[in-house]
Amino acid sequence: MSFGRGYRERENGAARLAWESDGTTLSYEGQRIRVSDFQIAAQRMVQDTEALLDELMGGQWYQMRETIRMRDIIDSLIYEGAGRSFTTNARNG
């Protein structure tokens, strides 16, 4: 919604992105996008990712995933320079 508002302000036009009255659907240029569709897509991506991790780890991912606290990993989407990543962040020791 923030992106849509910023875009609209630059375009000086009517809102192209808005919540519908049900509070669960976005409307973008007349196209309806249900929030639940985003949730389903995210769940599928997690399932696909875990299946790939299981393949990479020789079928051991589902046993190992409980020992890796993913929510505790510190990472950034900002490029911080060569050799810098979540693996070199001291907080991920």
N, C-alpha and C. Protein backbone atom coordinates (compact mmCIF):
# COMPACT_ATOMS: atom_id res chain seq x y z
N MET A 1 0.83 -1.19 0.00
CA MET A 1 0.00 0.00 0.00
C MET A 1 0.87 1.25 0.00
N SER A 2 1.98 1.22 0.74
CA SER A 2 2.86 2.39 0.77
C SER A 2 3.45 2.65 -0.61
N PHE A 3 3.85 1.57 -1.27
CA PHE A 3 4.38 1.72 -2.62
C PHE A 3 3.33 2.35 -3.53
N GLY A 4 2.10 1.85 -3.45
CA GLY A 4 1.02 2.38 -4.28
C GLY A 4 0.75 3.84 -4.01
N ARG A 5 0.77 4.21 -2.74
CA ARG A 5 0.52 5.62 -2.38
C ARG A 5 1.64 6.50 -2.93
N GLY A 6 2.89 6.08 -2.78
CA GLY A 6 4.01 6.87 -3.31
C GLY A 6 3.95 6.99 -4.81
N TYR A 7 3.60 5.90 -5.48
CA TYR A 7 3.47 5.92 -6.93
C TYR A 7 2.36 6.87 -7.36
N ARG A 8 1.22 6.79 -6.67
CA ARG A 8 0.08 7.65 -7.00
C ARG A 8 0.45 9.12 -6.83
N GLU A 9 1.18 9.44 -5.76
CA GLU A 9 1.56 10.83 -5.53
C GLU A 9 2.46 11.35 -6.64
N ARG A 10 3.34 10.49 -7.15
CA ARG A 10 4.20 10.91 -8.26
C ARG A 10 3.40 11.07 -9.55
N GLU A 11 2.40 10.23 -9.74
CA GLU A 11 1.59 10.25 -10.96
C GLU A 11 0.50 11.31 -10.92
N ASN A 12 0.17 11.81 -9.72
CA ASN A 12 -0.89 12.80 -9.55
C ASN A 12 -2.23 12.34 -10.11
N GLY A 13 -2.54 11.07 -9.95
CA GLY A 13 -3.80 10.56 -10.46
C GLY A 13 -4.61 9.90 -9.37
N ALA A 14 -5.66 9.26 -9.77
CA ALA A 14 -6.52 8.54 -8.83
C ALA A 14 -5.80 7.29 -8.34
N ALA A 15 -6.18 6.83 -7.17
CA ALA A 15 -5.55 5.64 -6.59
C ALA A 15 -5.77 4.44 -7.49
N ARG A 16 -4.70 3.74 -7.81
CA ARG A 16 -4.79 2.51 -8.59
C ARG A 16 -4.78 1.29 -7.69
N LEU A 17 -4.29 1.47 -6.48
CA LEU A 17 -4.18 0.39 -5.52
C LEU A 17 -4.96 0.79 -4.27
N ALA A 18 -5.92 -0.04 -3.88
CA ALA A 18 -6.75 0.29 -2.72
C ALA A 18 -7.28 -0.98 -2.08
N TRP A 19 -7.52 -0.90 -0.78
CA TRP A 19 -8.18 -2.00 -0.08
C TRP A 19 -9.65 -1.98 -0.44
N GLU A 20 -10.21 -3.15 -0.65
CA GLU A 20 -11.66 -3.23 -0.82
C GLU A 20 -12.30 -3.23 0.56
N SER A 21 -13.59 -3.02 0.61
CA SER A 21 -14.29 -2.87 1.88
C SER A 21 -14.24 -4.12 2.75
N ASP A 22 -13.98 -5.30 2.17
CA ASP A 22 -13.93 -6.52 2.98
C ASP A 22 -12.65 -6.60 3.82
N GLY A 23 -11.66 -5.75 3.54
CA GLY A 23 -10.43 -5.73 4.32
C GLY A 23 -9.49 -6.89 4.05
N THR A 24 -9.82 -7.76 3.11
CA THR A 24 -8.98 -8.91 2.80
C THR A 24 -8.56 -8.96 1.35
N THR A 25 -8.95 -7.94 0.59
CA THR A 25 -8.68 -7.93 -0.84
C THR A 25 -8.13 -6.57 -1.26
N LEU A 26 -7.07 -6.61 -2.06
CA LEU A 26 -6.53 -5.40 -2.67
C LEU A 26 -7.09 -5.29 -4.08
N SER A 27 -7.29 -4.08 -4.52
CA SER A 27 -7.71 -3.85 -5.89
C SER A 27 -6.62 -3.03 -6.57
N TYR A 28 -6.05 -3.55 -7.64
CA TYR A 28 -5.02 -2.84 -8.40
C TYR A 28 -5.51 -2.68 -9.82
N GLU A 29 -5.81 -1.45 -10.19
CA GLU A 29 -6.33 -1.13 -11.51
C GLU A 29 -7.50 -2.05 -11.88
N GLY A 30 -8.37 -2.28 -10.91
CA GLY A 30 -9.56 -3.09 -11.15
C GLY A 30 -9.35 -4.59 -10.98
N GLN A 31 -8.11 -5.02 -10.83
CA GLN A 31 -7.84 -6.44 -10.63
C GLN A 31 -7.84 -6.75 -9.14
N ARG A 32 -8.59 -7.76 -8.74
CA ARG A 32 -8.71 -8.11 -7.32
C ARG A 32 -7.61 -9.08 -6.93
N ILE A 33 -6.93 -8.78 -5.83
CA ILE A 33 -5.85 -9.63 -5.32
C ILE A 33 -6.17 -9.94 -3.86
N ARG A 34 -6.49 -11.19 -3.57
CA ARG A 34 -6.82 -11.58 -2.20
C ARG A 34 -5.54 -11.78 -1.40
N VAL A 35 -5.53 -11.28 -0.18
CA VAL A 35 -4.37 -11.43 0.70
C VAL A 35 -4.09 -12.91 0.94
N SER A 36 -5.12 -13.73 1.02
CA SER A 36 -4.92 -15.16 1.24
C SER A 36 -4.11 -15.79 0.11
N ASP A 37 -4.19 -15.24 -1.10
CA ASP A 37 -3.37 -15.75 -2.21
C ASP A 37 -1.89 -15.54 -1.93
N PHE A 38 -1.54 -14.40 -1.33
CA PHE A 38 -0.15 -14.15 -0.94
C PHE A 38 0.29 -15.15 0.13
N GLN A 39 -0.58 -15.41 1.08
CA GLN A 39 -0.26 -16.35 2.16
C GLN A 39 -0.03 -17.75 1.59
N ILE A 40 -0.88 -18.18 0.69
CA ILE A 40 -0.72 -19.51 0.08
C ILE A 40 0.57 -19.58 -0.71
N ALA A 41 0.89 -18.53 -1.45
CA ALA A 41 2.13 -18.50 -2.23
C ALA A 41 3.35 -18.59 -1.30
N ALA A 42 3.33 -17.86 -0.19
CA ALA A 42 4.45 -17.90 0.76
C ALA A 42 4.59 -19.29 1.38
N GLN A 43 3.48 -19.92 1.73
CA GLN A 43 3.53 -21.27 2.29
C GLN A 43 4.10 -22.26 1.29
N ARG A 44 3.72 -22.13 0.03
CA ARG A 44 4.26 -23.03 -1.01
C ARG A 44 5.75 -22.81 -1.20
N MET A 45 6.19 -21.55 -1.14
CA MET A 45 7.62 -21.28 -1.28
C MET A 45 8.41 -21.92 -0.14
N VAL A 46 7.88 -21.85 1.08
CA VAL A 46 8.55 -22.47 2.22
C VAL A 46 8.62 -23.98 2.02
N GLN A 47 7.52 -24.59 1.57
CA GLN A 47 7.51 -26.03 1.34
C GLN A 47 8.51 -26.42 0.25
N ASP A 48 8.54 -25.66 -0.84
CA ASP A 48 9.49 -25.95 -1.93
C ASP A 48 10.93 -25.80 -1.46
N THR A 49 11.18 -24.75 -0.66
CA THR A 49 12.53 -24.51 -0.15
C THR A 49 12.96 -25.64 0.78
N GLU A 50 12.05 -26.08 1.65
CA GLU A 50 12.39 -27.17 2.56
C GLU A 50 12.64 -28.47 1.80
N ALA A 51 11.90 -28.70 0.73
CA ALA A 51 12.13 -29.90 -0.09
C ALA A 51 13.51 -29.84 -0.73
N LEU A 52 13.91 -28.67 -1.21
CA LEU A 52 15.26 -28.52 -1.79
C LEU A 52 16.34 -28.70 -0.73
N LEU A 53 16.13 -28.12 0.45
CA LEU A 53 17.09 -28.29 1.54
C LEU A 53 17.22 -29.75 1.94
N ASP A 54 16.11 -30.46 1.95
CA ASP A 54 16.14 -31.89 2.28
C ASP A 54 16.95 -32.66 1.24
N GLU A 55 16.78 -32.29 -0.02
CA GLU A 55 17.56 -32.94 -1.08
C GLU A 55 19.05 -32.62 -0.94
N LEU A 56 19.37 -31.35 -0.67
CA LEU A 56 20.77 -30.95 -0.52
C LEU A 56 21.44 -31.62 0.68
N MET A 57 20.67 -31.89 1.73
CA MET A 57 21.22 -32.45 2.96
C MET A 57 20.99 -33.96 3.07
N GLY A 58 20.79 -34.58 1.91
CA GLY A 58 20.71 -36.03 1.90
C GLY A 58 19.55 -36.60 2.70
N GLY A 59 18.43 -35.92 2.67
CA GLY A 59 17.26 -36.41 3.37
C GLY A 59 17.25 -36.15 4.87
N GLN A 60 18.15 -35.28 5.35
CA GLN A 60 18.28 -35.02 6.78
C GLN A 60 17.69 -33.69 7.23
N TRP A 61 17.19 -32.87 6.29
CA TRP A 61 16.74 -31.53 6.66
C TRP A 61 15.67 -31.55 7.73
N TYR A 62 14.71 -32.42 7.62
CA TYR A 62 13.58 -32.39 8.56
C TYR A 62 14.01 -32.73 9.98
N GLN A 63 15.11 -33.48 10.14
CA GLN A 63 15.66 -33.72 11.47
C GLN A 63 16.52 -32.52 11.92
N MET A 64 17.25 -31.92 10.98
CA MET A 64 18.18 -30.84 11.31
C MET A 64 17.49 -29.49 11.51
N ARG A 65 16.34 -29.28 10.89
CA ARG A 65 15.74 -27.94 10.91
C ARG A 65 15.41 -27.46 12.32
N GLU A 66 15.18 -28.38 13.23
CA GLU A 66 14.88 -27.98 14.61
C GLU A 66 16.12 -27.46 15.33
N THR A 67 17.31 -27.81 14.85
CA THR A 67 18.54 -27.35 15.50
C THR A 67 19.01 -26.00 14.96
N ILE A 68 18.47 -25.57 13.82
CA ILE A 68 18.85 -24.29 13.21
C ILE A 68 17.70 -23.32 13.44
N ARG A 69 17.92 -22.33 14.27
CA ARG A 69 16.87 -21.36 14.59
C ARG A 69 16.89 -20.25 13.54
N MET A 70 16.16 -20.47 12.45
CA MET A 70 16.17 -19.54 11.32
C MET A 70 15.79 -18.11 11.72
N ARG A 71 14.85 -17.96 12.66
CA ARG A 71 14.42 -16.61 13.02
C ARG A 71 15.49 -15.84 13.79
N ASP A 72 16.52 -16.55 14.27
CA ASP A 72 17.60 -15.88 14.99
C ASP A 72 18.74 -15.44 14.07
N ILE A 73 18.71 -15.83 12.81
CA ILE A 73 19.78 -15.47 11.87
C ILE A 73 19.63 -14.00 11.48
N ILE A 74 20.72 -13.27 11.58
CA ILE A 74 20.75 -11.85 11.24
C ILE A 74 21.25 -11.72 9.81
N ASP A 75 20.48 -11.04 8.97
CA ASP A 75 20.86 -10.87 7.57
C ASP A 75 20.32 -9.53 7.08
N SER A 76 20.82 -9.10 5.96
CA SER A 76 20.40 -7.83 5.38
C SER A 76 20.28 -8.00 3.87
N LEU A 77 19.31 -7.33 3.28
CA LEU A 77 19.17 -7.35 1.83
C LEU A 77 20.04 -6.30 1.16
N ILE A 78 20.72 -5.49 1.96
CA ILE A 78 21.57 -4.43 1.44
C ILE A 78 22.96 -4.99 1.17
N TYR A 79 23.51 -4.69 -0.01
CA TYR A 79 24.87 -5.13 -0.34
C TYR A 79 25.85 -4.42 0.57
N GLU A 80 26.63 -5.18 1.33
CA GLU A 80 27.54 -4.59 2.31
C GLU A 80 29.00 -4.72 1.90
N GLY A 81 29.25 -5.18 0.69
CA GLY A 81 30.62 -5.29 0.21
C GLY A 81 31.04 -6.73 0.02
N ALA A 82 32.15 -6.90 -0.67
CA ALA A 82 32.68 -8.23 -0.97
C ALA A 82 32.99 -8.99 0.32
N GLY A 83 32.65 -10.25 0.37
CA GLY A 83 32.95 -11.08 1.53
C GLY A 83 32.04 -10.88 2.71
N ARG A 84 31.04 -10.04 2.60
CA ARG A 84 30.12 -9.78 3.70
C ARG A 84 28.81 -10.51 3.43
N SER A 85 28.37 -11.28 4.40
CA SER A 85 27.08 -11.97 4.29
C SER A 85 26.65 -12.40 5.66
N PHE A 86 25.52 -13.08 5.75
CA PHE A 86 25.04 -13.56 7.05
C PHE A 86 26.04 -14.55 7.66
N THR A 87 26.83 -15.21 6.81
CA THR A 87 27.80 -16.18 7.35
C THR A 87 28.99 -15.52 8.03
N THR A 88 29.27 -14.26 7.69
CA THR A 88 30.39 -13.56 8.31
C THR A 88 29.95 -12.62 9.43
N ASN A 89 28.65 -12.51 9.65
CA ASN A 89 28.13 -11.64 10.70
C ASN A 89 28.39 -12.29 12.06
N ALA A 90 29.12 -11.60 12.92
CA ALA A 90 29.49 -12.14 14.23
C ALA A 90 28.29 -12.51 15.09
N ARG A 91 27.15 -11.81 14.88
CA ARG A 91 25.95 -12.12 15.66
C ARG A 91 25.35 -13.48 15.32
N ASN A 92 25.80 -14.09 14.22
CA ASN A 92 25.30 -15.40 13.82
C ASN A 92 26.24 -16.53 14.28
N GLY A 93 27.16 -16.21 15.17
CA GLY A 93 28.14 -17.19 15.65
C GLY A 93 27.55 -18.51 16.05
